[in-house]
Amino acid sequence: MKIIKLLPVAVMVMLLASCEEPDNMAYVTALGINKSDEGYYYTIQFAQPTQISGGASEKGGSGGNIVKNITVEAPTLYSAINVADTIISKDLSLSHAKVFVVSEDVAREGLSPLNDVIIRNNDIRADIYISVAPDAEKFLEEVKPSLELNPVKYYQLTYENKNGSAIPQNTALDFYSACVSGSKDCILPLAGVAETEETHGEEKGTKSTENFSQQEAEINKGGFEKETRNYYAGQTGKKLYNKSEVLGSAVFKGDKYIGQLGSTETELHNILMDHFTVMNINFCADTSPDDPITMRIEEKTPPEYEIDRNSKHVDIYIELQAELLSAPLSHQRTYNEGRTDQEASEMVSTAAEELIHKVYNEMNADILGIRGRLKRQFMETGGYEEYCRSFEPRKWSFTVHTDLTTKRTGMTYFYE
């Protein structure tokens, strides 16, 4: 009788004994993949527990001290993990990995194999982010979080930030779903490294790191985001500590990488796709053509799409509300709230239509998911799938209707 009572306890002890001890694990925070002559180079970035602050009484590391990288050559991710496990003393766990950085040449070949790995592997979370970089290994080597002692938190805050909204909010699961369903062409975050050089000051021993690739970014001359640069990853910041950057978008046709969008274009995409919370935007009004005004905009209602598949035309309706943050005196003296709202609305619409033309007509990619939005217009799945097979994004036209309303709070205006 006593033996029977002790059996459940014995089973629990055996189960606990078979579990992996946390102290025996090395937690992967990010992965990278580059092409090699024989296969692929996999970069595996893992956290250093001794350098991560876990409490107020502990002193953590800083910058690159909180993560370490291992790069191995292997035909698949699974074999790369096996090789890496022989290099370090602990077993690698993928359960906390937050980003998979893919080199541009790998992305151009197609990411269907990577999709399969992420979806089938129970260790990798489906909400991991996929980034595209010129060199994945170089990007991960330059990751030096300066404000976060937890590298997973650093990646989470970077990729999931909807304020400013110059990064697309698509996870690996979103990308997989788009590729499998064929409902849209996805865009993914761009990752890059700033091209810097050390400059020495007049005072002996002083030096700083300056980003000379910043000047390569094109300055917006139109009304929307006037005088700001349309940055790509690696081009922001004149002086910086962390040279790795995530900014802009990689455009895909199916599972293949075909082009890029800069920071301003990504902002517009997020507005069109209901993927932002709030952002500060520069506009150029007729009253101040050379001095932009600054507004903080937020979404009033989600965008609405009216699609006519017979004429292949889409009307997109956007409602935004804004707060005027700053304006030159020339604008304040001649301020007319109705005219300002109208001008700002027209600027958003014009810039959005230019973005859509670039992607749909030049890249022939359906990043707004018109195919997916059309599904409700079909009675049978077969007819819908047949229609999607012959869908040509470049044959479609778009009109964007923006209704931007400014809040009347706290701004002083001058009247003659």
Protein backbone atom coordinates (compact mmCIF):
# COMPACT_ATOMS: atom_id res chain seq x y z
CA MET A 1 0.00 0.00 0.00
CA LYS A 2 2.85 2.38 0.88
CA ILE A 3 4.55 1.56 -2.43
CA ILE A 4 1.42 2.50 -4.38
CA LYS A 5 1.20 5.86 -2.56
CA LEU A 6 4.84 6.61 -3.34
CA LEU A 7 4.55 5.88 -7.07
CA PRO A 8 3.27 9.38 -8.08
CA VAL A 9 6.11 10.97 -6.11
CA ALA A 10 8.66 8.74 -7.82
CA VAL A 11 7.30 9.64 -11.26
CA MET A 12 7.51 13.38 -10.49
CA VAL A 13 11.10 13.03 -9.30
CA MET A 14 12.05 11.21 -12.50
CA LEU A 15 10.38 13.87 -14.66
CA LEU A 16 12.14 16.69 -12.83
CA ALA A 17 15.44 14.91 -13.13
CA SER A 18 15.02 14.71 -16.92
CA CYS A 19 14.42 18.47 -17.33
CA GLU A 20 17.25 20.69 -18.52
CA GLU A 21 18.70 22.84 -15.76
CA PRO A 22 18.51 26.57 -16.59
CA ASP A 23 22.14 26.95 -15.55
CA ASN A 24 23.08 24.50 -18.32
CA MET A 25 21.41 26.56 -21.06
CA ALA A 26 22.68 29.38 -23.27
CA TYR A 27 19.78 31.49 -24.53
CA VAL A 28 19.97 32.60 -28.16
CA THR A 29 18.79 36.20 -28.66
CA ALA A 30 19.32 36.56 -32.42
CA LEU A 31 20.32 34.52 -35.46
CA GLY A 32 21.95 35.50 -38.74
CA ILE A 33 22.51 33.79 -42.07
CA ASN A 34 24.95 34.61 -44.90
CA LYS A 35 25.87 32.61 -47.97
CA SER A 36 29.15 30.70 -48.13
CA ASP A 37 30.87 28.85 -50.98
CA GLU A 38 29.65 25.50 -49.69
CA GLY A 39 26.43 26.40 -47.91
CA TYR A 40 25.67 29.06 -45.31
CA TYR A 41 27.34 30.89 -42.46
CA TYR A 42 25.07 30.96 -39.41
CA THR A 43 25.73 33.57 -36.75
CA ILE A 44 24.32 32.64 -33.37
CA GLN A 45 24.08 35.43 -30.81
CA PHE A 46 23.45 34.46 -27.20
CA ALA A 47 23.13 36.36 -23.94
CA GLN A 48 25.81 36.35 -21.26
CA PRO A 49 23.91 35.83 -18.00
CA THR A 50 26.78 37.14 -15.88
CA GLN A 51 26.57 40.48 -17.71
CA ILE A 52 22.80 40.94 -17.53
CA SER A 53 21.54 42.81 -14.50
CA GLY A 54 18.76 40.88 -12.82
CA GLY A 55 18.13 43.17 -9.88
CA ALA A 56 18.90 46.49 -8.28
CA SER A 57 21.79 45.05 -6.29
CA GLU A 58 23.48 43.48 -9.30
CA LYS A 59 25.81 45.26 -11.66
CA GLY A 60 25.32 44.29 -15.27
CA GLY A 61 27.48 44.70 -18.32
CA SER A 62 27.12 47.28 -21.04
CA GLY A 63 27.06 47.46 -24.79
CA GLY A 64 28.50 44.45 -26.55
CA ASN A 65 29.41 42.78 -23.23
CA ILE A 66 25.89 41.41 -22.74
CA VAL A 67 25.92 39.25 -25.91
CA LYS A 68 28.39 36.98 -27.67
CA ASN A 69 28.40 35.71 -31.26
CA ILE A 70 29.44 32.40 -32.78
CA THR A 71 29.59 31.99 -36.57
CA VAL A 72 29.74 28.49 -38.08
CA GLU A 73 29.37 27.07 -41.57
CA ALA A 74 26.55 24.57 -42.00
CA PRO A 75 23.90 23.50 -44.55
CA THR A 76 20.95 24.06 -42.17
CA LEU A 77 20.12 25.86 -38.93
CA TYR A 78 19.80 22.56 -37.07
CA SER A 79 23.29 21.44 -38.03
CA ALA A 80 24.63 24.91 -37.17
CA ILE A 81 23.19 24.61 -33.65
CA ASN A 82 24.80 21.17 -33.29
CA VAL A 83 28.20 22.55 -34.28
CA ALA A 84 27.84 25.58 -32.00
CA ASP A 85 26.89 23.31 -29.08
CA THR A 86 30.32 21.69 -29.34
CA ILE A 87 32.05 25.08 -29.11
CA ILE A 88 30.44 26.31 -25.89
CA SER A 89 29.89 24.40 -22.69
CA LYS A 90 26.14 25.01 -22.47
CA ASP A 91 23.23 23.84 -24.62
CA LEU A 92 21.76 26.48 -26.91
CA SER A 93 18.06 27.28 -26.55
CA LEU A 94 16.16 29.10 -29.33
CA SER A 95 13.07 29.80 -27.23
CA HIS A 96 14.03 33.45 -26.55
CA ALA A 97 15.35 34.34 -30.03
CA LYS A 98 13.73 37.59 -31.14
CA VAL A 99 15.18 38.28 -34.60
CA PHE A 100 16.53 36.33 -37.57
CA VAL A 101 18.77 38.55 -39.73
CA VAL A 102 19.08 37.39 -43.35
CA SER A 103 21.66 38.68 -45.82
CA GLU A 104 20.42 40.30 -49.02
CA ASP A 105 21.80 37.58 -51.31
CA VAL A 106 20.00 34.88 -49.30
CA ALA A 107 16.77 36.92 -49.34
CA ARG A 108 16.94 37.37 -53.12
CA GLU A 109 17.04 33.60 -53.58
CA GLY A 110 13.86 33.22 -51.53
CA LEU A 111 12.98 32.61 -47.89
CA SER A 112 10.66 29.60 -48.24
CA PRO A 113 13.27 27.28 -46.61
CA LEU A 114 13.56 29.69 -43.67
CA ASN A 115 9.77 29.88 -43.41
CA ASP A 116 9.65 26.11 -43.12
CA VAL A 117 12.31 26.04 -40.39
CA ILE A 118 10.59 28.70 -38.26
CA ILE A 119 7.10 27.25 -38.54
CA ARG A 120 8.12 23.61 -37.94
CA ASN A 121 10.57 24.24 -35.09
CA ASN A 122 8.70 24.39 -31.78
CA ASP A 123 11.73 26.01 -30.13
CA ILE A 124 11.48 29.13 -32.30
CA ARG A 125 8.55 31.43 -31.58
CA ALA A 126 6.37 32.38 -34.52
CA ASP A 127 6.49 36.06 -33.51
CA ILE A 128 10.23 36.28 -34.19
CA TYR A 129 11.15 39.10 -36.58
CA ILE A 130 12.98 38.60 -39.87
CA SER A 131 15.30 41.42 -40.95
CA VAL A 132 17.20 41.86 -44.21
CA ALA A 133 20.76 43.23 -44.05
CA PRO A 134 23.66 43.51 -46.51
CA ASP A 135 25.70 41.36 -44.13
CA ALA A 136 23.91 39.55 -41.28
CA GLU A 137 27.10 38.61 -39.41
CA LYS A 138 28.43 42.17 -39.50
CA PHE A 139 25.12 43.56 -38.26
CA LEU A 140 24.99 41.22 -35.24
CA GLU A 141 28.63 41.94 -34.42
CA GLU A 142 27.82 45.64 -34.13
CA VAL A 143 24.79 45.26 -31.83
CA LYS A 144 25.69 47.13 -28.64
CA PRO A 145 22.57 47.99 -26.62
CA SER A 146 23.38 51.11 -24.61
CA LEU A 147 20.11 51.54 -22.67
CA GLU A 148 19.04 47.92 -22.15
CA LEU A 149 20.74 45.25 -20.08
CA ASN A 150 18.46 42.56 -21.50
CA PRO A 151 19.22 41.92 -25.21
CA VAL A 152 15.82 40.29 -25.84
CA LYS A 153 14.11 43.41 -24.46
CA TYR A 154 16.36 45.54 -26.68
CA TYR A 155 15.22 43.73 -29.82
CA GLN A 156 11.59 43.75 -28.71
CA LEU A 157 11.57 47.52 -28.13
CA THR A 158 13.37 48.11 -31.44
CA TYR A 159 11.16 45.99 -33.69
CA GLU A 160 7.81 46.57 -32.01
CA ASN A 161 8.02 50.35 -31.65
CA LYS A 162 4.97 51.95 -33.29
CA ASN A 163 5.97 55.48 -32.27
CA GLY A 164 7.88 57.12 -35.07
CA SER A 165 6.82 54.12 -37.11
CA ALA A 166 9.66 53.85 -39.65
CA ILE A 167 9.89 50.05 -39.23
CA PRO A 168 7.30 47.63 -40.67
CA GLN A 169 5.35 45.72 -38.02
CA ASN A 170 5.46 42.26 -39.66
CA THR A 171 6.61 39.14 -37.82
CA ALA A 172 7.83 35.83 -39.26
CA LEU A 173 4.29 34.49 -38.90
CA ASP A 174 2.91 37.41 -40.93
CA PHE A 175 5.50 36.76 -43.63
CA TYR A 176 4.77 33.03 -43.69
CA SER A 177 1.02 33.62 -43.90
CA ALA A 178 1.44 36.11 -46.76
CA CYS A 179 3.66 33.70 -48.72
CA VAL A 180 1.43 30.66 -48.22
CA SER A 181 -1.93 32.36 -48.75
CA GLY A 182 -0.79 34.64 -51.57
CA SER A 183 -3.03 37.36 -50.13
CA LYS A 184 -0.31 40.04 -50.23
CA ASP A 185 3.37 40.75 -50.73
CA CYS A 186 5.06 41.40 -47.41
CA ILE A 187 7.64 43.97 -46.36
CA LEU A 188 10.18 43.25 -43.61
CA PRO A 189 12.48 45.47 -41.53
CA LEU A 190 15.80 46.56 -43.00
CA ALA A 191 18.92 46.16 -40.85
CA GLY A 192 22.25 47.81 -41.50
CA VAL A 193 25.52 49.06 -40.08
CA ALA A 194 26.62 52.68 -40.12
CA GLU A 195 29.81 53.32 -42.08
CA THR A 196 31.81 55.30 -39.55
CA GLU A 197 35.28 56.67 -39.02
CA GLU A 198 37.02 57.99 -35.94
CA THR A 199 37.80 61.69 -35.91
CA HIS A 200 40.33 63.22 -33.54
CA GLY A 201 39.71 66.56 -31.90
CA GLU A 202 42.14 69.41 -31.40
CA GLU A 203 42.64 68.45 -27.77
CA LYS A 204 45.09 65.59 -27.39
CA GLY A 205 43.48 62.20 -26.86
CA THR A 206 39.92 63.24 -27.79
CA LYS A 207 38.11 61.33 -30.53
CA SER A 208 34.59 60.54 -31.69
CA THR A 209 32.91 58.23 -34.18
CA GLU A 210 31.11 59.93 -37.05
CA ASN A 211 28.76 58.38 -39.58
CA PHE A 212 29.79 59.56 -43.05
CA SER A 213 27.06 57.53 -44.83
CA GLN A 214 24.38 59.87 -43.42
CA GLN A 215 24.85 62.26 -46.35
CA GLU A 216 23.88 59.51 -48.80
CA ALA A 217 20.25 59.65 -47.65
CA GLU A 218 18.06 61.71 -49.97
CA ILE A 219 16.45 64.84 -48.51
CA ASN A 220 12.67 65.06 -49.01
CA LYS A 221 11.85 68.15 -51.05
CA GLY A 222 8.08 67.63 -51.18
CA GLY A 223 5.55 68.87 -48.66
CA PHE A 224 5.39 65.66 -46.60
CA GLU A 225 8.39 65.30 -44.24
CA LYS A 226 10.02 68.29 -45.94
CA GLU A 227 13.75 68.72 -45.27
CA THR A 228 14.03 65.36 -43.49
CA ARG A 229 16.02 62.54 -45.04
CA ASN A 230 14.54 59.32 -46.39
CA TYR A 231 16.92 57.16 -44.36
CA TYR A 232 17.84 53.53 -44.88
CA ALA A 233 19.29 51.38 -42.10
CA GLY A 234 22.82 52.52 -41.30
CA GLN A 235 22.40 56.12 -42.43
CA THR A 236 20.96 57.83 -39.33
CA GLY A 237 22.90 59.60 -36.61
CA LYS A 238 25.98 61.69 -37.25
CA LYS A 239 27.74 60.61 -34.06
CA LEU A 240 26.77 57.30 -32.55
CA TYR A 241 27.77 54.47 -30.26
CA ASN A 242 25.66 51.56 -31.52
CA LYS A 243 26.44 51.27 -35.24
CA SER A 244 23.75 48.65 -35.91
CA GLU A 245 20.43 50.15 -37.01
CA VAL A 246 16.96 48.92 -37.99
CA LEU A 247 15.12 51.33 -40.27
CA GLY A 248 13.16 51.20 -43.50
CA SER A 249 11.71 48.19 -45.32
CA ALA A 250 12.71 45.30 -47.53
CA VAL A 251 10.04 44.67 -50.19
CA PHE A 252 9.24 41.07 -51.17
CA LYS A 253 7.48 39.57 -54.16
CA GLY A 254 6.27 36.29 -52.73
CA ASP A 255 9.24 34.97 -50.75
CA LYS A 256 11.90 36.85 -52.79
CA TYR A 257 13.47 40.18 -51.86
CA ILE A 258 13.12 42.70 -54.70
CA GLY A 259 13.68 46.23 -53.35
CA GLN A 260 13.83 48.73 -50.50
CA LEU A 261 11.78 51.52 -48.97
CA GLY A 262 13.28 54.29 -46.86
CA SER A 263 12.12 55.65 -43.52
CA THR A 264 9.65 58.20 -44.94
CA GLU A 265 8.13 55.62 -47.30
CA THR A 266 7.80 53.13 -44.44
CA GLU A 267 5.97 55.75 -42.36
CA LEU A 268 3.44 56.14 -45.17
CA HIS A 269 3.05 52.37 -45.51
CA ASN A 270 2.31 52.07 -41.79
CA ILE A 271 -0.31 54.83 -42.08
CA LEU A 272 -1.96 52.98 -44.98
CA MET A 273 -1.90 49.66 -43.11
CA ASP A 274 -3.05 50.77 -39.63
CA HIS A 275 0.41 49.95 -38.20
CA PHE A 276 1.27 53.06 -36.22
CA THR A 277 0.29 54.73 -32.96
CA VAL A 278 1.72 58.23 -33.16
CA MET A 279 4.43 60.04 -35.11
CA ASN A 280 5.81 63.53 -35.56
CA ILE A 281 5.69 64.72 -39.17
CA ASN A 282 6.98 67.81 -40.98
CA PHE A 283 4.72 69.58 -43.48
CA CYS A 284 5.24 72.50 -45.79
CA ALA A 285 2.38 75.01 -45.93
CA ASP A 286 1.85 77.72 -48.57
CA THR A 287 2.34 80.33 -45.85
CA SER A 288 5.81 78.97 -45.04
CA PRO A 289 7.17 77.21 -48.15
CA ASP A 290 10.75 77.17 -46.87
CA ASP A 291 10.12 76.54 -43.16
CA PRO A 292 8.19 73.36 -42.38
CA ILE A 293 5.66 73.12 -39.60
CA THR A 294 5.68 70.11 -37.27
CA MET A 295 2.61 68.07 -36.36
CA ARG A 296 2.07 65.05 -34.13
CA ILE A 297 -0.38 62.80 -35.93
CA GLU A 298 -2.35 59.81 -34.75
CA GLU A 299 -4.95 57.60 -36.33
CA LYS A 300 -8.57 58.60 -35.87
CA THR A 301 -10.11 55.53 -37.52
CA PRO A 302 -8.51 52.58 -39.38
CA PRO A 303 -8.06 53.13 -43.14
CA GLU A 304 -10.94 52.02 -45.35
CA TYR A 305 -10.48 50.45 -48.80
CA GLU A 306 -13.10 50.60 -51.56
CA ILE A 307 -12.05 48.23 -54.34
CA ASP A 308 -13.55 48.00 -57.83
CA ARG A 309 -12.08 44.89 -59.40
CA ASN A 310 -13.70 45.57 -62.77
CA SER A 311 -11.94 48.92 -63.27
CA LYS A 312 -8.95 47.80 -61.14
CA HIS A 313 -9.16 50.93 -59.04
CA VAL A 314 -8.85 51.39 -55.27
CA ASP A 315 -9.98 54.36 -53.16
CA ILE A 316 -8.28 54.54 -49.76
CA TYR A 317 -9.78 56.73 -47.02
CA ILE A 318 -7.55 57.86 -44.15
CA GLU A 319 -8.69 59.81 -41.09
CA LEU A 320 -5.99 61.41 -38.93
CA GLN A 321 -6.00 63.88 -36.11
CA ALA A 322 -3.02 66.10 -35.43
CA GLU A 323 -1.56 68.46 -32.88
CA LEU A 324 0.43 71.42 -34.16
CA LEU A 325 3.75 71.33 -32.32
CA SER A 326 5.65 74.17 -33.95
CA ALA A 327 5.24 76.62 -36.79
CA PRO A 328 7.25 79.58 -38.15
CA LEU A 329 5.95 83.09 -37.49
CA SER A 330 5.03 83.54 -41.15
CA HIS A 331 2.55 80.68 -40.79
CA GLN A 332 1.21 81.78 -37.41
CA ARG A 333 0.47 85.33 -38.60
CA THR A 334 -1.61 84.11 -41.53
CA TYR A 335 -3.02 81.02 -39.83
CA ASN A 336 -6.26 79.57 -41.15
CA GLU A 337 -7.19 76.28 -39.54
CA GLY A 338 -9.25 75.03 -42.47
CA ARG A 339 -6.53 75.76 -45.01
CA THR A 340 -3.82 74.17 -42.88
CA ASP A 341 -5.83 70.98 -42.46
CA GLN A 342 -6.56 70.86 -46.18
CA GLU A 343 -2.93 71.39 -47.16
CA ALA A 344 -1.71 68.73 -44.72
CA SER A 345 -4.34 66.28 -45.94
CA GLU A 346 -3.33 66.82 -49.57
CA MET A 347 0.34 66.31 -48.72
CA VAL A 348 -0.33 62.96 -47.06
CA SER A 349 -2.47 61.83 -50.00
CA THR A 350 0.11 62.90 -52.59
CA ALA A 351 3.01 61.25 -50.78
CA ALA A 352 1.01 58.05 -50.23
CA GLU A 353 0.05 57.86 -53.91
CA GLU A 354 3.69 58.32 -54.91
CA LEU A 355 4.69 55.43 -52.62
CA ILE A 356 1.96 53.20 -54.03
CA HIS A 357 3.01 54.02 -57.60
CA LYS A 358 6.63 53.16 -56.80
CA VAL A 359 5.75 49.76 -55.34
CA TYR A 360 2.82 48.72 -57.52
CA ASN A 361 3.90 50.12 -60.88
CA GLU A 362 7.69 49.84 -60.61
CA MET A 363 8.16 46.81 -58.33
CA ASN A 364 4.87 45.07 -59.27
CA ALA A 365 4.29 44.09 -55.62
CA ASP A 366 0.99 44.07 -53.69
CA ILE A 367 2.13 45.33 -50.28
CA LEU A 368 -1.33 46.67 -49.33
CA GLY A 369 -2.89 43.24 -49.69
CA ILE A 370 -5.48 44.07 -52.36
CA ARG A 371 -5.73 40.37 -53.22
CA GLY A 372 -6.62 39.51 -49.64
CA ARG A 373 -9.15 42.34 -49.43
CA LEU A 374 -10.85 41.07 -52.60
CA LYS A 375 -11.59 37.63 -51.16
CA ARG A 376 -14.98 38.67 -49.77
CA GLN A 377 -16.14 39.52 -53.29
CA PHE A 378 -15.94 35.87 -54.41
CA MET A 379 -18.51 33.19 -53.68
CA GLU A 380 -16.16 30.26 -54.31
CA THR A 381 -12.55 29.64 -53.30
CA GLY A 382 -11.65 28.25 -56.72
CA GLY A 383 -12.71 31.42 -58.51
CA TYR A 384 -10.77 33.58 -56.04
CA GLU A 385 -7.60 31.51 -56.38
CA GLU A 386 -7.85 31.64 -60.18
CA TYR A 387 -8.21 35.42 -60.03
CA CYS A 388 -5.16 35.75 -57.76
CA ARG A 389 -2.99 33.72 -60.14
CA SER A 390 -3.48 36.35 -62.85
CA PHE A 391 -3.34 39.35 -60.49
CA GLU A 392 -0.96 42.07 -61.75
CA PRO A 393 -0.32 44.90 -59.23
CA ARG A 394 1.00 47.27 -61.91
CA LYS A 395 -2.38 47.25 -63.67
CA TRP A 396 -4.12 48.82 -60.68
CA SER A 397 -4.64 52.51 -59.92
CA PHE A 398 -5.13 54.17 -56.52
CA THR A 399 -6.57 57.36 -55.09
CA VAL A 400 -5.85 58.25 -51.46
CA HIS A 401 -8.34 60.49 -49.63
CA THR A 402 -6.95 61.94 -46.39
CA ASP A 403 -8.99 63.80 -43.79
CA LEU A 404 -6.57 65.37 -41.30
CA THR A 405 -8.03 67.48 -38.50
CA THR A 406 -5.87 69.60 -36.21
CA LYS A 407 -6.61 69.84 -32.51
CA ARG A 408 -6.96 73.42 -31.29
CA THR A 409 -4.98 73.14 -28.07
CA GLY A 410 -2.30 75.29 -26.58
CA MET A 411 -0.86 76.97 -29.69
CA THR A 412 -0.52 80.75 -29.80
CA TYR A 413 -1.35 82.51 -33.07
CA PHE A 414 -0.77 86.07 -34.17
CA TYR A 415 -3.31 88.13 -35.99
CA GLU A 416 -2.67 91.35 -37.87
